[in-house]
Amino acid sequence: MNTTTRMLWLALMLLFGLLVGAAAGLLDWAAGTNPFLAVEHAAAGFAGVLALLLAVYYFVTR
């Protein structure tokens, strides 16, 4: 796999992580949670999804 393909996959993973994180934060905020806690939950969702996607990518390509 060449560098361009790897960068494309990384960009897609980051985009998906951002979408999940934003959805988690917005849903948490809409439920009435403190905005700072909603941002914390969004960051946790982003980090969790990105870690999972990078682990799957590493498993599939090695």
C-alpha atoms as a PDB file:
ATOM      1  CA  MET A   1       0.000   0.000   0.000  1.00  0.00           C
ATOM      2  CA  ASN A   2       1.483   3.327  -1.000  1.00  0.00           C
ATOM      3  CA  THR A   3       1.628   6.545   0.998  1.00  0.00           C
ATOM      4  CA  THR A   4      -1.249   8.216  -0.838  1.00  0.00           C
ATOM      5  CA  THR A   5      -3.614   5.382  -0.038  1.00  0.00           C
ATOM      6  CA  ARG A   6      -2.554   5.389   3.610  1.00  0.00           C
ATOM      7  CA  MET A   7      -3.154   9.122   3.898  1.00  0.00           C
ATOM      8  CA  LEU A   8      -6.582   8.736   2.306  1.00  0.00           C
ATOM      9  CA  TRP A   9      -7.541   6.029   4.809  1.00  0.00           C
ATOM     10  CA  LEU A  10      -6.224   8.153   7.679  1.00  0.00           C
ATOM     11  CA  ALA A  11      -8.266  11.134   6.489  1.00  0.00           C
ATOM     12  CA  LEU A  12     -11.406   8.991   6.303  1.00  0.00           C
ATOM     13  CA  MET A  13     -10.761   7.610   9.790  1.00  0.00           C
ATOM     14  CA  LEU A  14     -10.310  11.110  11.187  1.00  0.00           C
ATOM     15  CA  LEU A  15     -13.480  12.311   9.472  1.00  0.00           C
ATOM     16  CA  PHE A  16     -15.489   9.400  10.837  1.00  0.00           C
ATOM     17  CA  GLY A  17     -14.042   9.989  14.309  1.00  0.00           C
ATOM     18  CA  LEU A  18     -15.000  13.652  14.120  1.00  0.00           C
ATOM     19  CA  LEU A  19     -18.536  12.776  13.065  1.00  0.00           C
ATOM     20  CA  VAL A  20     -18.964  10.298  15.921  1.00  0.00           C
ATOM     21  CA  GLY A  21     -17.440  12.722  18.422  1.00  0.00           C
ATOM     22  CA  ALA A  22     -19.649  15.577  17.264  1.00  0.00           C
ATOM     23  CA  ALA A  23     -22.742  13.394  17.427  1.00  0.00           C
ATOM     24  CA  ALA A  24     -21.844  12.215  20.930  1.00  0.00           C
ATOM     25  CA  GLY A  25     -21.262  15.754  22.134  1.00  0.00           C
ATOM     26  CA  LEU A  26     -24.420  17.144  20.573  1.00  0.00           C
ATOM     27  CA  LEU A  27     -26.586  14.338  21.919  1.00  0.00           C
ATOM     28  CA  ASP A  28     -25.090  14.738  25.374  1.00  0.00           C
ATOM     29  CA  TRP A  29     -25.584  18.509  25.303  1.00  0.00           C
ATOM     30  CA  ALA A  30     -29.156  18.131  24.039  1.00  0.00           C
ATOM     31  CA  ALA A  31     -29.880  15.836  26.976  1.00  0.00           C
ATOM     32  CA  GLY A  32     -29.115  18.723  29.313  1.00  0.00           C
ATOM     33  CA  THR A  33     -25.571  17.900  30.355  1.00  0.00           C
ATOM     34  CA  ASN A  34     -23.116  20.645  31.254  1.00  0.00           C
ATOM     35  CA  PRO A  35     -21.455  21.848  28.005  1.00  0.00           C
ATOM     36  CA  PHE A  36     -17.980  21.118  29.368  1.00  0.00           C
ATOM     37  CA  LEU A  37     -18.956  17.524  30.112  1.00  0.00           C
ATOM     38  CA  ALA A  38     -20.502  17.252  26.645  1.00  0.00           C
ATOM     39  CA  VAL A  39     -17.168  18.304  25.116  1.00  0.00           C
ATOM     40  CA  GLU A  40     -15.399  15.744  27.301  1.00  0.00           C
ATOM     41  CA  HIS A  41     -17.742  13.001  26.124  1.00  0.00           C
ATOM     42  CA  ALA A  42     -17.272  14.088  22.522  1.00  0.00           C
ATOM     43  CA  ALA A  43     -13.494  13.861  22.931  1.00  0.00           C
ATOM     44  CA  ALA A  44     -13.815  10.415  24.487  1.00  0.00           C
ATOM     45  CA  GLY A  45     -16.003   9.264  21.607  1.00  0.00           C
ATOM     46  CA  PHE A  46     -13.545  10.624  19.050  1.00  0.00           C
ATOM     47  CA  ALA A  47     -10.558   9.001  20.768  1.00  0.00           C
ATOM     48  CA  GLY A  48     -12.324   5.673  21.182  1.00  0.00           C
ATOM     49  CA  VAL A  49     -13.457   5.452  17.583  1.00  0.00           C
ATOM     50  CA  LEU A  50     -10.079   6.536  16.250  1.00  0.00           C
ATOM     51  CA  ALA A  51      -8.238   3.994  18.419  1.00  0.00           C
ATOM     52  CA  LEU A  52     -10.581   1.249  17.247  1.00  0.00           C
ATOM     53  CA  LEU A  53     -10.216   2.196  13.576  1.00  0.00           C
ATOM     54  CA  LEU A  54      -6.430   2.400  13.791  1.00  0.00           C
ATOM     55  CA  ALA A  55      -6.303  -1.009  15.499  1.00  0.00           C
ATOM     56  CA  VAL A  56      -8.493  -2.547  12.796  1.00  0.00           C
ATOM     57  CA  TYR A  57      -6.389  -0.912  10.074  1.00  0.00           C
ATOM     58  CA  TYR A  58      -3.178  -2.242  11.635  1.00  0.00           C
ATOM     59  CA  PHE A  59      -4.691  -5.732  11.964  1.00  0.00           C
ATOM     60  CA  VAL A  60      -5.907  -5.813   8.369  1.00  0.00           C
ATOM     61  CA  THR A  61      -2.719  -4.489   6.768  1.00  0.00           C
ATOM     62  CA  ARG A  62      -0.156  -6.517   8.737  1.00  0.00           C
END
